[in-house]
Amino acid sequence: MICEYKDGLKVNYSGSLQITKGKDVNVIIKDGFIPTNIKSGLETAASNHSCRDMRKVADDVTATFGSRACIH
């Protein structure tokens, strides 16, 4: 599932998670390394096709891991 927002944030969740926003945000978490609570939120957002919920998860991820992270 890919969600793009008016402020330039882009969330791509297809097993792995990628969150980008220009040069300010670049977070990649490979499948298998996504914490359970985050994966649960991603799965719920994806199954409901909800970019609003996906945004909430992305905000939680960047609050937890920062705006630049590569976890694999």
PDB file of N, CA and C in Angstrom:
ATOM      1  N   MET A   1       0.848  -1.164   0.000  1.00  0.00           N
ATOM      2  CA  MET A   1       0.000   0.000   0.000  1.00  0.00           C
ATOM      3  C   MET A   1       0.899   1.233   0.000  1.00  0.00           C
ATOM      4  N   ILE A   2       0.573   2.171  -0.839  1.00  0.00           N
ATOM      5  CA  ILE A   2       1.320   3.417  -0.930  1.00  0.00           C
ATOM      6  C   ILE A   2       0.375   4.574  -0.634  1.00  0.00           C
ATOM      7  N   CYS A   3       0.808   5.440   0.281  1.00  0.00           N
ATOM      8  CA  CYS A   3       0.041   6.641   0.618  1.00  0.00           C
ATOM      9  C   CYS A   3       0.945   7.849   0.438  1.00  0.00           C
ATOM     10  N   GLU A   4       0.423   8.864  -0.240  1.00  0.00           N
ATOM     11  CA  GLU A   4       1.131  10.124  -0.410  1.00  0.00           C
ATOM     12  C   GLU A   4       0.270  11.238   0.145  1.00  0.00           C
ATOM     13  N   TYR A   5       0.912  12.160   0.845  1.00  0.00           N
ATOM     14  CA  TYR A   5       0.196  13.225   1.535  1.00  0.00           C
ATOM     15  C   TYR A   5       0.590  14.590   0.977  1.00  0.00           C
ATOM     16  N   LYS A   6      -0.274  15.564   1.192  1.00  0.00           N
ATOM     17  CA  LYS A   6      -0.070  16.905   0.639  1.00  0.00           C
ATOM     18  C   LYS A   6       1.219  17.564   1.118  1.00  0.00           C
ATOM     19  N   ASP A   7       1.695  17.190   2.303  1.00  0.00           N
ATOM     20  CA  ASP A   7       2.915  17.800   2.825  1.00  0.00           C
ATOM     21  C   ASP A   7       4.189  17.137   2.290  1.00  0.00           C
ATOM     22  N   GLY A   8       4.034  16.160   1.375  1.00  0.00           N
ATOM     23  CA  GLY A   8       5.184  15.513   0.757  1.00  0.00           C
ATOM     24  C   GLY A   8       5.571  14.182   1.383  1.00  0.00           C
ATOM     25  N   LEU A   9       4.942  13.811   2.484  1.00  0.00           N
ATOM     26  CA  LEU A   9       5.234  12.525   3.105  1.00  0.00           C
ATOM     27  C   LEU A   9       4.719  11.398   2.216  1.00  0.00           C
ATOM     28  N   LYS A  10       5.519  10.353   2.104  1.00  0.00           N
ATOM     29  CA  LYS A  10       5.123   9.177   1.321  1.00  0.00           C
ATOM     30  C   LYS A  10       5.411   7.939   2.160  1.00  0.00           C
ATOM     31  N   VAL A  11       4.416   7.074   2.273  1.00  0.00           N
ATOM     32  CA  VAL A  11       4.549   5.829   3.020  1.00  0.00           C
ATOM     33  C   VAL A  11       4.299   4.675   2.052  1.00  0.00           C
ATOM     34  N   ASN A  12       5.261   3.771   1.992  1.00  0.00           N
ATOM     35  CA  ASN A  12       5.155   2.600   1.131  1.00  0.00           C
ATOM     36  C   ASN A  12       5.295   1.366   2.024  1.00  0.00           C
ATOM     37  N   TYR A  13       4.221   0.616   2.173  1.00  0.00           N
ATOM     38  CA  TYR A  13       4.241  -0.602   2.969  1.00  0.00           C
ATOM     39  C   TYR A  13       3.862  -1.774   2.083  1.00  0.00           C
ATOM     40  N   SER A  14       4.836  -2.595   1.826  1.00  0.00           N
ATOM     41  CA  SER A  14       4.612  -3.812   1.027  1.00  0.00           C
ATOM     42  C   SER A  14       5.459  -4.938   1.614  1.00  0.00           C
ATOM     43  N   GLY A  15       5.235  -5.201   2.891  1.00  0.00           N
ATOM     44  CA  GLY A  15       6.077  -6.144   3.632  1.00  0.00           C
ATOM     45  C   GLY A  15       7.133  -5.364   4.378  1.00  0.00           C
ATOM     46  N   SER A  16       8.003  -4.692   3.647  1.00  0.00           N
ATOM     47  CA  SER A  16       8.932  -3.735   4.239  1.00  0.00           C
ATOM     48  C   SER A  16       8.224  -2.386   4.303  1.00  0.00           C
ATOM     49  N   LEU A  17       8.776  -1.484   5.103  1.00  0.00           N
ATOM     50  CA  LEU A  17       8.176  -0.166   5.271  1.00  0.00           C
ATOM     51  C   LEU A  17       9.185   0.903   4.874  1.00  0.00           C
ATOM     52  N   GLN A  18       8.748   1.814   4.034  1.00  0.00           N
ATOM     53  CA  GLN A  18       9.581   2.953   3.666  1.00  0.00           C
ATOM     54  C   GLN A  18       8.769   4.223   3.859  1.00  0.00           C
ATOM     55  N   ILE A  19       9.366   5.168   4.581  1.00  0.00           N
ATOM     56  CA  ILE A  19       8.735   6.461   4.836  1.00  0.00           C
ATOM     57  C   ILE A  19       9.709   7.532   4.361  1.00  0.00           C
ATOM     58  N   THR A  20       9.251   8.387   3.455  1.00  0.00           N
ATOM     59  CA  THR A  20      10.113   9.448   2.949  1.00  0.00           C
ATOM     60  C   THR A  20       9.360  10.776   2.926  1.00  0.00           C
ATOM     61  N   LYS A  21      10.145  11.832   3.009  1.00  0.00           N
ATOM     62  CA  LYS A  21       9.597  13.183   2.867  1.00  0.00           C
ATOM     63  C   LYS A  21      10.761  14.072   2.441  1.00  0.00           C
ATOM     64  N   GLY A  22      10.915  14.215   1.124  1.00  0.00           N
ATOM     65  CA  GLY A  22      12.015  15.018   0.596  1.00  0.00           C
ATOM     66  C   GLY A  22      13.341  14.571   1.168  1.00  0.00           C
ATOM     67  N   LYS A  23      14.122  15.531   1.634  1.00  0.00           N
ATOM     68  CA  LYS A  23      15.414  15.231   2.249  1.00  0.00           C
ATOM     69  C   LYS A  23      15.316  15.146   3.766  1.00  0.00           C
ATOM     70  N   ASP A  24      14.125  15.391   4.306  1.00  0.00           N
ATOM     71  CA  ASP A  24      13.948  15.443   5.755  1.00  0.00           C
ATOM     72  C   ASP A  24      13.726  14.086   6.413  1.00  0.00           C
ATOM     73  N   VAL A  25      13.046  13.189   5.719  1.00  0.00           N
ATOM     74  CA  VAL A  25      12.699  11.895   6.317  1.00  0.00           C
ATOM     75  C   VAL A  25      13.063  10.781   5.349  1.00  0.00           C
ATOM     76  N   ASN A  26      13.781   9.784   5.854  1.00  0.00           N
ATOM     77  CA  ASN A  26      14.091   8.596   5.075  1.00  0.00           C
ATOM     78  C   ASN A  26      14.232   7.436   6.057  1.00  0.00           C
ATOM     79  N   VAL A  27      13.173   6.671   6.209  1.00  0.00           N
ATOM     80  CA  VAL A  27      13.148   5.543   7.134  1.00  0.00           C
ATOM     81  C   VAL A  27      12.806   4.286   6.348  1.00  0.00           C
ATOM     82  N   ILE A  28      13.633   3.275   6.507  1.00  0.00           N
ATOM     83  CA  ILE A  28      13.384   1.977   5.869  1.00  0.00           C
ATOM     84  C   ILE A  28      13.492   0.907   6.947  1.00  0.00           C
ATOM     85  N   ILE A  29      12.453   0.104   7.060  1.00  0.00           N
ATOM     86  CA  ILE A  29      12.471  -1.031   7.977  1.00  0.00           C
ATOM     87  C   ILE A  29      12.106  -2.265   7.161  1.00  0.00           C
ATOM     88  N   LYS A  30      13.041  -3.177   7.065  1.00  0.00           N
ATOM     89  CA  LYS A  30      12.819  -4.395   6.285  1.00  0.00           C
ATOM     90  C   LYS A  30      11.829  -5.311   6.999  1.00  0.00           C
ATOM     91  N   ASP A  31      11.077  -6.050   6.201  1.00  0.00           N
ATOM     92  CA  ASP A  31      10.130  -7.017   6.738  1.00  0.00           C
ATOM     93  C   ASP A  31      10.897  -7.979   7.643  1.00  0.00           C
ATOM     94  N   GLY A  32      10.324  -8.320   8.744  1.00  0.00           N
ATOM     95  CA  GLY A  32      10.988  -9.194   9.702  1.00  0.00           C
ATOM     96  C   GLY A  32      11.655  -8.409  10.825  1.00  0.00           C
ATOM     97  N   PHE A  33      11.845  -7.116  10.638  1.00  0.00           N
ATOM     98  CA  PHE A  33      12.453  -6.266  11.653  1.00  0.00           C
ATOM     99  C   PHE A  33      11.482  -5.207  12.174  1.00  0.00           C
ATOM    100  N   ILE A  34      10.256  -5.223  11.668  1.00  0.00           N
ATOM    101  CA  ILE A  34       9.248  -4.270  12.107  1.00  0.00           C
ATOM    102  C   ILE A  34       8.698  -4.746  13.448  1.00  0.00           C
ATOM    103  N   PRO A  35       8.775  -3.898  14.495  1.00  0.00           N
ATOM    104  CA  PRO A  35       8.230  -4.298  15.799  1.00  0.00           C
ATOM    105  C   PRO A  35       6.759  -4.690  15.702  1.00  0.00           C
ATOM    106  N   THR A  36       6.350  -5.605  16.537  1.00  0.00           N
ATOM    107  CA  THR A  36       5.009  -6.175  16.502  1.00  0.00           C
ATOM    108  C   THR A  36       3.907  -5.123  16.577  1.00  0.00           C
ATOM    109  N   ASN A  37       4.046  -4.158  17.479  1.00  0.00           N
ATOM    110  CA  ASN A  37       2.987  -3.159  17.624  1.00  0.00           C
ATOM    111  C   ASN A  37       2.869  -2.284  16.375  1.00  0.00           C
ATOM    112  N   ILE A  38       3.981  -1.984  15.741  1.00  0.00           N
ATOM    113  CA  ILE A  38       3.958  -1.194  14.513  1.00  0.00           C
ATOM    114  C   ILE A  38       3.397  -2.015  13.366  1.00  0.00           C
ATOM    115  N   LYS A  39       3.823  -3.275  13.264  1.00  0.00           N
ATOM    116  CA  LYS A  39       3.331  -4.143  12.194  1.00  0.00           C
ATOM    117  C   LYS A  39       1.820  -4.325  12.297  1.00  0.00           C
ATOM    118  N   SER A  40       1.319  -4.432  13.507  1.00  0.00           N
ATOM    119  CA  SER A  40      -0.124  -4.566  13.711  1.00  0.00           C
ATOM    120  C   SER A  40      -0.863  -3.351  13.168  1.00  0.00           C
ATOM    121  N   GLY A  41      -0.350  -2.157  13.462  1.00  0.00           N
ATOM    122  CA  GLY A  41      -0.959  -0.939  12.949  1.00  0.00           C
ATOM    123  C   GLY A  41      -0.890  -0.850  11.444  1.00  0.00           C
ATOM    124  N   LEU A  42       0.238  -1.269  10.871  1.00  0.00           N
ATOM    125  CA  LEU A  42       0.390  -1.265   9.412  1.00  0.00           C
ATOM    126  C   LEU A  42      -0.590  -2.221   8.753  1.00  0.00           C
ATOM    127  N   GLU A  43      -0.707  -3.414   9.319  1.00  0.00           N
ATOM    128  CA  GLU A  43      -1.612  -4.416   8.753  1.00  0.00           C
ATOM    129  C   GLU A  43      -3.067  -3.948   8.822  1.00  0.00           C
ATOM    130  N   THR A  44      -3.439  -3.332   9.925  1.00  0.00           N
ATOM    131  CA  THR A  44      -4.795  -2.818  10.070  1.00  0.00           C
ATOM    132  C   THR A  44      -5.052  -1.716   9.048  1.00  0.00           C
ATOM    133  N   ALA A  45      -4.115  -0.766   8.930  1.00  0.00           N
ATOM    134  CA  ALA A  45      -4.275   0.328   7.973  1.00  0.00           C
ATOM    135  C   ALA A  45      -4.362  -0.204   6.546  1.00  0.00           C
ATOM    136  N   ALA A  46      -3.508  -1.162   6.213  1.00  0.00           N
ATOM    137  CA  ALA A  46      -3.498  -1.715   4.857  1.00  0.00           C
ATOM    138  C   ALA A  46      -4.789  -2.490   4.568  1.00  0.00           C
ATOM    139  N   SER A  47      -5.250  -3.280   5.525  1.00  0.00           N
ATOM    140  CA  SER A  47      -6.461  -4.065   5.281  1.00  0.00           C
ATOM    141  C   SER A  47      -7.697  -3.169   5.159  1.00  0.00           C
ATOM    142  N   ASN A  48      -7.659  -2.009   5.813  1.00  0.00           N
ATOM    143  CA  ASN A  48      -8.769  -1.059   5.718  1.00  0.00           C
ATOM    144  C   ASN A  48      -8.566  -0.033   4.609  1.00  0.00           C
ATOM    145  N   HIS A  49      -7.446  -0.126   3.901  1.00  0.00           N
ATOM    146  CA  HIS A  49      -7.091   0.842   2.848  1.00  0.00           C
ATOM    147  C   HIS A  49      -7.197   2.267   3.379  1.00  0.00           C
ATOM    148  N   SER A  50      -6.634   2.471   4.577  1.00  0.00           N
ATOM    149  CA  SER A  50      -6.754   3.761   5.261  1.00  0.00           C
ATOM    150  C   SER A  50      -5.412   4.491   5.298  1.00  0.00           C
ATOM    151  N   CYS A  51      -5.278   5.492   4.456  1.00  0.00           N
ATOM    152  CA  CYS A  51      -4.076   6.318   4.484  1.00  0.00           C
ATOM    153  C   CYS A  51      -4.034   7.171   5.755  1.00  0.00           C
ATOM    154  N   ARG A  52      -5.178   7.456   6.315  1.00  0.00           N
ATOM    155  CA  ARG A  52      -5.220   8.203   7.573  1.00  0.00           C
ATOM    156  C   ARG A  52      -4.557   7.397   8.691  1.00  0.00           C
ATOM    157  N   ASP A  53      -4.914   6.115   8.796  1.00  0.00           N
ATOM    158  CA  ASP A  53      -4.295   5.247   9.803  1.00  0.00           C
ATOM    159  C   ASP A  53      -2.825   5.000   9.494  1.00  0.00           C
ATOM    160  N   MET A  54      -2.493   4.901   8.209  1.00  0.00           N
ATOM    161  CA  MET A  54      -1.099   4.696   7.808  1.00  0.00           C
ATOM    162  C   MET A  54      -0.250   5.887   8.242  1.00  0.00           C
ATOM    163  N   ARG A  55      -0.811   7.083   8.156  1.00  0.00           N
ATOM    164  CA  ARG A  55      -0.108   8.300   8.575  1.00  0.00           C
ATOM    165  C   ARG A  55       0.182   8.248  10.076  1.00  0.00           C
ATOM    166  N   LYS A  56      -0.788   7.789  10.854  1.00  0.00           N
ATOM    167  CA  LYS A  56      -0.592   7.681  12.298  1.00  0.00           C
ATOM    168  C   LYS A  56       0.559   6.728  12.616  1.00  0.00           C
ATOM    169  N   VAL A  57       0.604   5.612  11.923  1.00  0.00           N
ATOM    170  CA  VAL A  57       1.683   4.643  12.133  1.00  0.00           C
ATOM    171  C   VAL A  57       3.021   5.259  11.724  1.00  0.00           C
ATOM    172  N   ALA A  58       3.050   5.944  10.598  1.00  0.00           N
ATOM    173  CA  ALA A  58       4.284   6.587  10.142  1.00  0.00           C
ATOM    174  C   ALA A  58       4.780   7.609  11.158  1.00  0.00           C
ATOM    175  N   ASP A  59       3.861   8.362  11.743  1.00  0.00           N
ATOM    176  CA  ASP A  59       4.232   9.332  12.775  1.00  0.00           C
ATOM    177  C   ASP A  59       4.819   8.626  13.995  1.00  0.00           C
ATOM    178  N   ASP A  60       4.231   7.494  14.381  1.00  0.00           N
ATOM    179  CA  ASP A  60       4.758   6.713  15.507  1.00  0.00           C
ATOM    180  C   ASP A  60       6.153   6.175  15.198  1.00  0.00           C
ATOM    181  N   VAL A  61       6.338   5.711  13.971  1.00  0.00           N
ATOM    182  CA  VAL A  61       7.640   5.162  13.566  1.00  0.00           C
ATOM    183  C   VAL A  61       8.719   6.238  13.624  1.00  0.00           C
ATOM    184  N   THR A  62       8.446   7.404  13.071  1.00  0.00           N
ATOM    185  CA  THR A  62       9.457   8.462  13.079  1.00  0.00           C
ATOM    186  C   THR A  62       9.684   8.997  14.491  1.00  0.00           C
ATOM    187  N   ALA A  63       8.672   8.972  15.340  1.00  0.00           N
ATOM    188  CA  ALA A  63       8.852   9.376  16.736  1.00  0.00           C
ATOM    189  C   ALA A  63       9.731   8.374  17.475  1.00  0.00           C
ATOM    190  N   THR A  64       9.612   7.103  17.119  1.00  0.00           N
ATOM    191  CA  THR A  64      10.372   6.045  17.779  1.00  0.00           C
ATOM    192  C   THR A  64      11.802   5.933  17.246  1.00  0.00           C
ATOM    193  N   PHE A  65      11.962   5.935  15.917  1.00  0.00           N
ATOM    194  CA  PHE A  65      13.258   5.661  15.305  1.00  0.00           C
ATOM    195  C   PHE A  65      13.968   6.909  14.770  1.00  0.00           C
ATOM    196  N   GLY A  66      13.267   8.033  14.761  1.00  0.00           N
ATOM    197  CA  GLY A  66      13.855   9.259  14.201  1.00  0.00           C
ATOM    198  C   GLY A  66      13.513   9.391  12.741  1.00  0.00           C
ATOM    199  N   SER A  67      14.006  10.473  12.138  1.00  0.00           N
ATOM    200  CA  SER A  67      13.657  10.758  10.752  1.00  0.00           C
ATOM    201  C   SER A  67      14.592  10.094   9.754  1.00  0.00           C
ATOM    202  N   ARG A  68      15.658   9.477  10.233  1.00  0.00           N
ATOM    203  CA  ARG A  68      16.576   8.750   9.348  1.00  0.00           C
ATOM    204  C   ARG A  68      16.949   7.438  10.018  1.00  0.00           C
ATOM    205  N   ALA A  69      16.528   6.342   9.407  1.00  0.00           N
ATOM    206  CA  ALA A  69      16.835   5.023   9.967  1.00  0.00           C
ATOM    207  C   ALA A  69      16.753   3.989   8.863  1.00  0.00           C
ATOM    208  N   CYS A  70      17.628   3.003   8.973  1.00  0.00           N
ATOM    209  CA  CYS A  70      17.592   1.851   8.070  1.00  0.00           C
ATOM    210  C   CYS A  70      17.766   0.629   8.958  1.00  0.00           C
ATOM    211  N   ILE A  71      16.707  -0.119   9.113  1.00  0.00           N
ATOM    212  CA  ILE A  71      16.720  -1.273  10.018  1.00  0.00           C
ATOM    213  C   ILE A  71      16.521  -2.530   9.179  1.00  0.00           C
ATOM    214  N   HIS A  72      17.534  -3.367   9.220  1.00  0.00           N
ATOM    215  CA  HIS A  72      17.480  -4.636   8.465  1.00  0.00           C
ATOM    216  C   HIS A  72      18.349  -5.673   9.106  1.00  0.00           C
TER     217      HIS A  72
END
